[in-house]
Amino acid sequence: MKKEYDFSKGRRGAVLRPGKKTRITIFIDNDVLEEFRDRADDLGRGYQTLMNEALRLYLGKARKAVDARTLRRILREELDRTG
């Protein structure tokens, strides 16, 4: 260790610069979270990524159109729910 350090160019604030994501704390119902985790496991993706996509779709800001494979999956899920 040095005897003295030069902090003349130091700045207060977060060590990491903000990026495209923001860390927040929210409460999600357990059943909703488990459903996202289960679906993410089935797809081999992260559940937070699926949550972001669902929110974008809800907001009408989806980055890409739903492809045929996804549409088939959604229809199958909805038909299974209705019996």
PDB file of N, CA and C in Angstrom:
ATOM      1  N   MET A   1       0.827  -1.186   0.000  1.00  0.00           N
ATOM      2  CA  MET A   1       0.000   0.000   0.000  1.00  0.00           C
ATOM      3  C   MET A   1       0.864   1.240   0.000  1.00  0.00           C
ATOM      4  N   LYS A   2       0.397   2.244  -0.716  1.00  0.00           N
ATOM      5  CA  LYS A   2       1.099   3.515  -0.724  1.00  0.00           C
ATOM      6  C   LYS A   2       0.822   4.271   0.567  1.00  0.00           C
ATOM      7  N   LYS A   3       1.726   5.173   0.905  1.00  0.00           N
ATOM      8  CA  LYS A   3       1.497   6.017   2.072  1.00  0.00           C
ATOM      9  C   LYS A   3       0.414   7.044   1.773  1.00  0.00           C
ATOM     10  N   GLU A   4       0.374   7.530   0.537  1.00  0.00           N
ATOM     11  CA  GLU A   4      -0.613   8.543   0.149  1.00  0.00           C
ATOM     12  C   GLU A   4      -1.178   8.203  -1.224  1.00  0.00           C
ATOM     13  N   TYR A   5      -2.428   8.567  -1.405  1.00  0.00           N
ATOM     14  CA  TYR A   5      -3.103   8.379  -2.691  1.00  0.00           C
ATOM     15  C   TYR A   5      -3.590   9.719  -3.188  1.00  0.00           C
ATOM     16  N   ASP A   6      -3.596   9.891  -4.505  1.00  0.00           N
ATOM     17  CA  ASP A   6      -4.050  11.149  -5.102  1.00  0.00           C
ATOM     18  C   ASP A   6      -5.518  11.028  -5.497  1.00  0.00           C
ATOM     19  N   PHE A   7      -6.373  11.712  -4.768  1.00  0.00           N
ATOM     20  CA  PHE A   7      -7.806  11.705  -5.064  1.00  0.00           C
ATOM     21  C   PHE A   7      -8.253  13.009  -5.727  1.00  0.00           C
ATOM     22  N   SER A   8      -7.335  13.775  -6.270  1.00  0.00           N
ATOM     23  CA  SER A   8      -7.682  15.071  -6.850  1.00  0.00           C
ATOM     24  C   SER A   8      -8.608  14.924  -8.068  1.00  0.00           C
ATOM     25  N   LYS A   9      -8.539  13.798  -8.757  1.00  0.00           N
ATOM     26  CA  LYS A   9      -9.412  13.577  -9.917  1.00  0.00           C
ATOM     27  C   LYS A   9     -10.580  12.651  -9.581  1.00  0.00           C
ATOM     28  N   GLY A  10     -10.738  12.367  -8.308  1.00  0.00           N
ATOM     29  CA  GLY A  10     -11.817  11.485  -7.871  1.00  0.00           C
ATOM     30  C   GLY A  10     -13.178  12.172  -7.959  1.00  0.00           C
ATOM     31  N   ARG A  11     -14.219  11.365  -8.117  1.00  0.00           N
ATOM     32  CA  ARG A  11     -15.584  11.882  -8.183  1.00  0.00           C
ATOM     33  C   ARG A  11     -16.462  11.057  -7.260  1.00  0.00           C
ATOM     34  N   ARG A  12     -17.478  11.689  -6.730  1.00  0.00           N
ATOM     35  CA  ARG A  12     -18.450  10.978  -5.912  1.00  0.00           C
ATOM     36  C   ARG A  12     -19.459  10.304  -6.828  1.00  0.00           C
ATOM     37  N   GLY A  13     -20.065   9.279  -6.322  1.00  0.00           N
ATOM     38  CA  GLY A  13     -21.120   8.635  -7.092  1.00  0.00           C
ATOM     39  C   GLY A  13     -20.835   7.158  -7.291  1.00  0.00           C
ATOM     40  N   ALA A  14     -21.681   6.559  -8.098  1.00  0.00           N
ATOM     41  CA  ALA A  14     -21.576   5.134  -8.356  1.00  0.00           C
ATOM     42  C   ALA A  14     -20.284   4.803  -9.083  1.00  0.00           C
ATOM     43  N   VAL A  15     -19.743   3.641  -8.768  1.00  0.00           N
ATOM     44  CA  VAL A  15     -18.510   3.189  -9.408  1.00  0.00           C
ATOM     45  C   VAL A  15     -18.804   2.781 -10.850  1.00  0.00           C
ATOM     46  N   LEU A  16     -19.963   2.150 -11.068  1.00  0.00           N
ATOM     47  CA  LEU A  16     -20.342   1.708 -12.405  1.00  0.00           C
ATOM     48  C   LEU A  16     -21.181   2.773 -13.101  1.00  0.00           C
ATOM     49  N   ARG A  17     -20.926   2.959 -14.353  1.00  0.00           N
ATOM     50  CA  ARG A  17     -21.724   3.905 -15.134  1.00  0.00           C
ATOM     51  C   ARG A  17     -23.051   3.258 -15.518  1.00  0.00           C
ATOM     52  N   PRO A  18     -24.101   4.051 -15.528  1.00  0.00           N
ATOM     53  CA  PRO A  18     -25.401   3.466 -15.898  1.00  0.00           C
ATOM     54  C   PRO A  18     -25.400   3.018 -17.350  1.00  0.00           C
ATOM     55  N   GLY A  19     -26.026   1.890 -17.588  1.00  0.00           N
ATOM     56  CA  GLY A  19     -26.107   1.361 -18.940  1.00  0.00           C
ATOM     57  C   GLY A  19     -27.530   1.419 -19.443  1.00  0.00           C
ATOM     58  N   LYS A  20     -27.923   0.402 -20.188  1.00  0.00           N
ATOM     59  CA  LYS A  20     -29.262   0.344 -20.751  1.00  0.00           C
ATOM     60  C   LYS A  20     -30.266  -0.251 -19.777  1.00  0.00           C
ATOM     61  N   LYS A  21     -29.793  -0.735 -18.637  1.00  0.00           N
ATOM     62  CA  LYS A  21     -30.669  -1.376 -17.662  1.00  0.00           C
ATOM     63  C   LYS A  21     -30.582  -0.640 -16.337  1.00  0.00           C
ATOM     64  N   THR A  22     -31.671  -0.702 -15.601  1.00  0.00           N
ATOM     65  CA  THR A  22     -31.741  -0.069 -14.293  1.00  0.00           C
ATOM     66  C   THR A  22     -32.162  -1.108 -13.268  1.00  0.00           C
ATOM     67  N   ARG A  23     -31.449  -1.159 -12.177  1.00  0.00           N
ATOM     68  CA  ARG A  23     -31.791  -2.084 -11.097  1.00  0.00           C
ATOM     69  C   ARG A  23     -32.897  -1.447 -10.263  1.00  0.00           C
ATOM     70  N   ILE A  24     -33.995  -2.195 -10.107  1.00  0.00           N
ATOM     71  CA  ILE A  24     -35.093  -1.740  -9.270  1.00  0.00           C
ATOM     72  C   ILE A  24     -35.541  -2.895  -8.372  1.00  0.00           C
ATOM     73  N   THR A  25     -36.310  -2.574  -7.380  1.00  0.00           N
ATOM     74  CA  THR A  25     -36.899  -3.599  -6.530  1.00  0.00           C
ATOM     75  C   THR A  25     -38.409  -3.521  -6.699  1.00  0.00           C
ATOM     76  N   ILE A  26     -39.012  -4.631  -7.112  1.00  0.00           N
ATOM     77  CA  ILE A  26     -40.461  -4.696  -7.238  1.00  0.00           C
ATOM     78  C   ILE A  26     -40.946  -6.001  -6.621  1.00  0.00           C
ATOM     79  N   PHE A  27     -42.213  -6.036  -6.316  1.00  0.00           N
ATOM     80  CA  PHE A  27     -42.821  -7.249  -5.796  1.00  0.00           C
ATOM     81  C   PHE A  27     -43.640  -7.893  -6.899  1.00  0.00           C
ATOM     82  N   ILE A  28     -43.325  -9.156  -7.197  1.00  0.00           N
ATOM     83  CA  ILE A  28     -44.028  -9.939  -8.211  1.00  0.00           C
ATOM     84  C   ILE A  28     -44.730 -11.078  -7.490  1.00  0.00           C
ATOM     85  N   ASP A  29     -45.980 -11.324  -7.832  1.00  0.00           N
ATOM     86  CA  ASP A  29     -46.694 -12.446  -7.230  1.00  0.00           C
ATOM     87  C   ASP A  29     -45.943 -13.741  -7.511  1.00  0.00           C
ATOM     88  N   ASN A  30     -45.918 -14.625  -6.521  1.00  0.00           N
ATOM     89  CA  ASN A  30     -45.163 -15.877  -6.638  1.00  0.00           C
ATOM     90  C   ASN A  30     -45.587 -16.704  -7.840  1.00  0.00           C
ATOM     91  N   ASP A  31     -46.905 -16.783  -8.093  1.00  0.00           N
ATOM     92  CA  ASP A  31     -47.366 -17.607  -9.211  1.00  0.00           C
ATOM     93  C   ASP A  31     -46.913 -17.041 -10.550  1.00  0.00           C
ATOM     94  N   VAL A  32     -46.858 -15.720 -10.664  1.00  0.00           N
ATOM     95  CA  VAL A  32     -46.395 -15.087 -11.909  1.00  0.00           C
ATOM     96  C   VAL A  32     -44.904 -15.350 -12.111  1.00  0.00           C
ATOM     97  N   LEU A  33     -44.138 -15.180 -11.055  1.00  0.00           N
ATOM     98  CA  LEU A  33     -42.698 -15.402 -11.145  1.00  0.00           C
ATOM     99  C   LEU A  33     -42.381 -16.855 -11.498  1.00  0.00           C
ATOM    100  N   GLU A  34     -43.065 -17.788 -10.856  1.00  0.00           N
ATOM    101  CA  GLU A  34     -42.835 -19.203 -11.150  1.00  0.00           C
ATOM    102  C   GLU A  34     -43.184 -19.536 -12.594  1.00  0.00           C
ATOM    103  N   GLU A  35     -44.251 -18.946 -13.106  1.00  0.00           N
ATOM    104  CA  GLU A  35     -44.640 -19.195 -14.502  1.00  0.00           C
ATOM    105  C   GLU A  35     -43.559 -18.688 -15.460  1.00  0.00           C
ATOM    106  N   PHE A  36     -43.036 -17.491 -15.200  1.00  0.00           N
ATOM    107  CA  PHE A  36     -41.962 -16.966 -16.047  1.00  0.00           C
ATOM    108  C   PHE A  36     -40.716 -17.841 -15.941  1.00  0.00           C
ATOM    109  N   ARG A  37     -40.386 -18.292 -14.751  1.00  0.00           N
ATOM    110  CA  ARG A  37     -39.204 -19.148 -14.584  1.00  0.00           C
ATOM    111  C   ARG A  37     -39.389 -20.485 -15.302  1.00  0.00           C
ATOM    112  N   ASP A  38     -40.582 -21.069 -15.171  1.00  0.00           N
ATOM    113  CA  ASP A  38     -40.845 -22.347 -15.846  1.00  0.00           C
ATOM    114  C   ASP A  38     -40.761 -22.195 -17.358  1.00  0.00           C
ATOM    115  N   ARG A  39     -41.381 -21.142 -17.883  1.00  0.00           N
ATOM    116  CA  ARG A  39     -41.337 -20.922 -19.337  1.00  0.00           C
ATOM    117  C   ARG A  39     -39.911 -20.653 -19.808  1.00  0.00           C
ATOM    118  N   ALA A  40     -39.166 -19.900 -19.020  1.00  0.00           N
ATOM    119  CA  ALA A  40     -37.781 -19.597 -19.381  1.00  0.00           C
ATOM    120  C   ALA A  40     -36.948 -20.875 -19.412  1.00  0.00           C
ATOM    121  N   ASP A  41     -37.169 -21.751 -18.439  1.00  0.00           N
ATOM    122  CA  ASP A  41     -36.443 -23.031 -18.417  1.00  0.00           C
ATOM    123  C   ASP A  41     -36.780 -23.856 -19.660  1.00  0.00           C
ATOM    124  N   ASP A  42     -38.067 -23.883 -20.022  1.00  0.00           N
ATOM    125  CA  ASP A  42     -38.486 -24.635 -21.208  1.00  0.00           C
ATOM    126  C   ASP A  42     -37.835 -24.100 -22.480  1.00  0.00           C
ATOM    127  N   LEU A  43     -37.660 -22.785 -22.532  1.00  0.00           N
ATOM    128  CA  LEU A  43     -37.089 -22.153 -23.724  1.00  0.00           C
ATOM    129  C   LEU A  43     -35.571 -22.031 -23.666  1.00  0.00           C
ATOM    130  N   GLY A  44     -34.990 -22.313 -22.505  1.00  0.00           N
ATOM    131  CA  GLY A  44     -33.540 -22.171 -22.359  1.00  0.00           C
ATOM    132  C   GLY A  44     -33.101 -20.724 -22.357  1.00  0.00           C
ATOM    133  N   ARG A  45     -33.920 -19.869 -21.768  1.00  0.00           N
ATOM    134  CA  ARG A  45     -33.620 -18.431 -21.728  1.00  0.00           C
ATOM    135  C   ARG A  45     -33.775 -17.936 -20.301  1.00  0.00           C
ATOM    136  N   GLY A  46     -33.449 -16.677 -20.077  1.00  0.00           N
ATOM    137  CA  GLY A  46     -33.592 -16.090 -18.754  1.00  0.00           C
ATOM    138  C   GLY A  46     -35.007 -15.577 -18.518  1.00  0.00           C
ATOM    139  N   TYR A  47     -35.485 -15.742 -17.283  1.00  0.00           N
ATOM    140  CA  TYR A  47     -36.857 -15.311 -16.990  1.00  0.00           C
ATOM    141  C   TYR A  47     -36.991 -13.788 -17.029  1.00  0.00           C
ATOM    142  N   GLN A  48     -35.941 -13.059 -16.689  1.00  0.00           N
ATOM    143  CA  GLN A  48     -36.022 -11.601 -16.742  1.00  0.00           C
ATOM    144  C   GLN A  48     -36.128 -11.117 -18.184  1.00  0.00           C
ATOM    145  N   THR A  49     -35.473 -11.815 -19.095  1.00  0.00           N
ATOM    146  CA  THR A  49     -35.580 -11.485 -20.508  1.00  0.00           C
ATOM    147  C   THR A  49     -37.018 -11.681 -20.979  1.00  0.00           C
ATOM    148  N   LEU A  50     -37.647 -12.783 -20.559  1.00  0.00           N
ATOM    149  CA  LEU A  50     -39.042 -13.028 -20.932  1.00  0.00           C
ATOM    150  C   LEU A  50     -39.963 -11.971 -20.338  1.00  0.00           C
ATOM    151  N   MET A  51     -39.689 -11.555 -19.111  1.00  0.00           N
ATOM    152  CA  MET A  51     -40.499 -10.506 -18.496  1.00  0.00           C
ATOM    153  C   MET A  51     -40.366  -9.197 -19.266  1.00  0.00           C
ATOM    154  N   ASN A  52     -39.152  -8.865 -19.674  1.00  0.00           N
ATOM    155  CA  ASN A  52     -38.948  -7.649 -20.468  1.00  0.00           C
ATOM    156  C   ASN A  52     -39.705  -7.722 -21.793  1.00  0.00           C
ATOM    157  N   GLU A  53     -39.659  -8.878 -22.440  1.00  0.00           N
ATOM    158  CA  GLU A  53     -40.376  -9.041 -23.710  1.00  0.00           C
ATOM    159  C   GLU A  53     -41.878  -8.912 -23.512  1.00  0.00           C
ATOM    160  N   ALA A  54     -42.399  -9.500 -22.433  1.00  0.00           N
ATOM    161  CA  ALA A  54     -43.833  -9.412 -22.152  1.00  0.00           C
ATOM    162  C   ALA A  54     -44.238  -7.964 -21.891  1.00  0.00           C
ATOM    163  N   LEU A  55     -43.412  -7.240 -21.168  1.00  0.00           N
ATOM    164  CA  LEU A  55     -43.717  -5.828 -20.906  1.00  0.00           C
ATOM    165  C   LEU A  55     -43.666  -5.005 -22.185  1.00  0.00           C
ATOM    166  N   ARG A  56     -42.687  -5.286 -23.045  1.00  0.00           N
ATOM    167  CA  ARG A  56     -42.610  -4.561 -24.318  1.00  0.00           C
ATOM    168  C   ARG A  56     -43.828  -4.843 -25.188  1.00  0.00           C
ATOM    169  N   LEU A  57     -44.243  -6.109 -25.226  1.00  0.00           N
ATOM    170  CA  LEU A  57     -45.439  -6.455 -25.993  1.00  0.00           C
ATOM    171  C   LEU A  57     -46.655  -5.715 -25.450  1.00  0.00           C
ATOM    172  N   TYR A  58     -46.785  -5.687 -24.139  1.00  0.00           N
ATOM    173  CA  TYR A  58     -47.904  -5.002 -23.510  1.00  0.00           C
ATOM    174  C   TYR A  58     -47.882  -3.512 -23.853  1.00  0.00           C
ATOM    175  N   LEU A  59     -46.703  -2.953 -23.869  1.00  0.00           N
ATOM    176  CA  LEU A  59     -46.575  -1.528 -24.170  1.00  0.00           C
ATOM    177  C   LEU A  59     -46.638  -1.229 -25.666  1.00  0.00           C
ATOM    178  N   GLY A  60     -46.714  -2.266 -26.473  1.00  0.00           N
ATOM    179  CA  GLY A  60     -46.770  -2.054 -27.921  1.00  0.00           C
ATOM    180  C   GLY A  60     -45.445  -1.685 -28.528  1.00  0.00           C
ATOM    181  N   LYS A  61     -44.379  -2.056 -27.860  1.00  0.00           N
ATOM    182  CA  LYS A  61     -43.044  -1.700 -28.338  1.00  0.00           C
ATOM    183  C   LYS A  61     -42.191  -2.931 -28.590  1.00  0.00           C
ATOM    184  N   ALA A  62     -42.814  -4.005 -29.014  1.00  0.00           N
ATOM    185  CA  ALA A  62     -42.059  -5.234 -29.277  1.00  0.00           C
ATOM    186  C   ALA A  62     -41.051  -4.979 -30.383  1.00  0.00           C
ATOM    187  N   ARG A  63     -39.877  -5.523 -30.232  1.00  0.00           N
ATOM    188  CA  ARG A  63     -38.811  -5.284 -31.207  1.00  0.00           C
ATOM    189  C   ARG A  63     -38.999  -6.073 -32.495  1.00  0.00           C
ATOM    190  N   LYS A  64     -39.657  -7.232 -32.377  1.00  0.00           N
ATOM    191  CA  LYS A  64     -39.838  -8.016 -33.591  1.00  0.00           C
ATOM    192  C   LYS A  64     -41.233  -8.629 -33.585  1.00  0.00           C
ATOM    193  N   ALA A  65     -41.711  -8.913 -34.746  1.00  0.00           N
ATOM    194  CA  ALA A  65     -43.029  -9.530 -34.865  1.00  0.00           C
ATOM    195  C   ALA A  65     -42.974 -10.964 -34.358  1.00  0.00           C
ATOM    196  N   VAL A  66     -44.107 -11.468 -33.956  1.00  0.00           N
ATOM    197  CA  VAL A  66     -44.188 -12.849 -33.497  1.00  0.00           C
ATOM    198  C   VAL A  66     -44.036 -13.771 -34.698  1.00  0.00           C
ATOM    199  N   ASP A  67     -43.116 -14.715 -34.592  1.00  0.00           N
ATOM    200  CA  ASP A  67     -42.912 -15.649 -35.690  1.00  0.00           C
ATOM    201  C   ASP A  67     -43.912 -16.803 -35.593  1.00  0.00           C
ATOM    202  N   ALA A  68     -43.963 -17.618 -36.593  1.00  0.00           N
ATOM    203  CA  ALA A  68     -44.952 -18.701 -36.677  1.00  0.00           C
ATOM    204  C   ALA A  68     -44.784 -19.689 -35.520  1.00  0.00           C
ATOM    205  N   ARG A  69     -43.565 -20.007 -35.159  1.00  0.00           N
ATOM    206  CA  ARG A  69     -43.317 -20.961 -34.077  1.00  0.00           C
ATOM    207  C   ARG A  69     -43.878 -20.432 -32.753  1.00  0.00           C
ATOM    208  N   THR A  70     -43.628 -19.171 -32.478  1.00  0.00           N
ATOM    209  CA  THR A  70     -44.129 -18.566 -31.248  1.00  0.00           C
ATOM    210  C   THR A  70     -45.643 -18.485 -31.256  1.00  0.00           C
ATOM    211  N   LEU A  71     -46.215 -18.118 -32.381  1.00  0.00           N
ATOM    212  CA  LEU A  71     -47.671 -18.032 -32.497  1.00  0.00           C
ATOM    213  C   LEU A  71     -48.313 -19.398 -32.250  1.00  0.00           C
ATOM    214  N   ARG A  72     -47.728 -20.454 -32.796  1.00  0.00           N
ATOM    215  CA  ARG A  72     -48.245 -21.799 -32.561  1.00  0.00           C
ATOM    216  C   ARG A  72     -48.193 -22.164 -31.077  1.00  0.00           C
ATOM    217  N   ARG A  73     -47.091 -21.817 -30.431  1.00  0.00           N
ATOM    218  CA  ARG A  73     -46.938 -22.104 -29.003  1.00  0.00           C
ATOM    219  C   ARG A  73     -47.995 -21.362 -28.190  1.00  0.00           C
ATOM    220  N   ILE A  74     -48.200 -20.104 -28.492  1.00  0.00           N
ATOM    221  CA  ILE A  74     -49.202 -19.308 -27.778  1.00  0.00           C
ATOM    222  C   ILE A  74     -50.590 -19.891 -27.980  1.00  0.00           C
ATOM    223  N   LEU A  75     -50.913 -20.234 -29.202  1.00  0.00           N
ATOM    224  CA  LEU A  75     -52.240 -20.807 -29.490  1.00  0.00           C
ATOM    225  C   LEU A  75     -52.420 -22.133 -28.766  1.00  0.00           C
ATOM    226  N   ARG A  76     -51.387 -22.977 -28.761  1.00  0.00           N
ATOM    227  CA  ARG A  76     -51.466 -24.256 -28.049  1.00  0.00           C
ATOM    228  C   ARG A  76     -51.727 -24.037 -26.563  1.00  0.00           C
ATOM    229  N   GLU A  77     -50.983 -23.101 -25.983  1.00  0.00           N
ATOM    230  CA  GLU A  77     -51.156 -22.805 -24.549  1.00  0.00           C
ATOM    231  C   GLU A  77     -52.566 -22.304 -24.251  1.00  0.00           C
ATOM    232  N   GLU A  78     -53.064 -21.437 -25.087  1.00  0.00           N
ATOM    233  CA  GLU A  78     -54.410 -20.881 -24.859  1.00  0.00           C
ATOM    234  C   GLU A  78     -55.479 -21.967 -25.067  1.00  0.00           C
ATOM    235  N   LEU A  79     -55.290 -22.815 -26.060  1.00  0.00           N
ATOM    236  CA  LEU A  79     -56.261 -23.887 -26.280  1.00  0.00           C
ATOM    237  C   LEU A  79     -56.248 -24.901 -25.146  1.00  0.00           C
ATOM    238  N   ASP A  80     -55.055 -25.167 -24.595  1.00  0.00           N
ATOM    239  CA  ASP A  80     -54.953 -26.082 -23.454  1.00  0.00           C
ATOM    240  C   ASP A  80     -55.663 -25.512 -22.228  1.00  0.00           C
ATOM    241  N   ARG A  81     -55.597 -24.207 -22.066  1.00  0.00           N
ATOM    242  CA  ARG A  81     -56.254 -23.569 -20.915  1.00  0.00           C
ATOM    243  C   ARG A  81     -57.766 -23.633 -21.002  1.00  0.00           C
ATOM    244  N   THR A  82     -58.273 -23.520 -22.212  1.00  0.00           N
ATOM    245  CA  THR A  82     -59.736 -23.515 -22.385  1.00  0.00           C
ATOM    246  C   THR A  82     -60.302 -24.922 -22.390  1.00  0.00           C
ATOM    247  N   GLY A  83     -59.443 -25.907 -22.525  1.00  0.00           N
ATOM    248  CA  GLY A  83     -59.862 -27.292 -22.417  1.00  0.00           C
ATOM    249  C   GLY A  83     -60.349 -27.830 -23.690  1.00  0.00           C
TER     250      GLY A  83
END
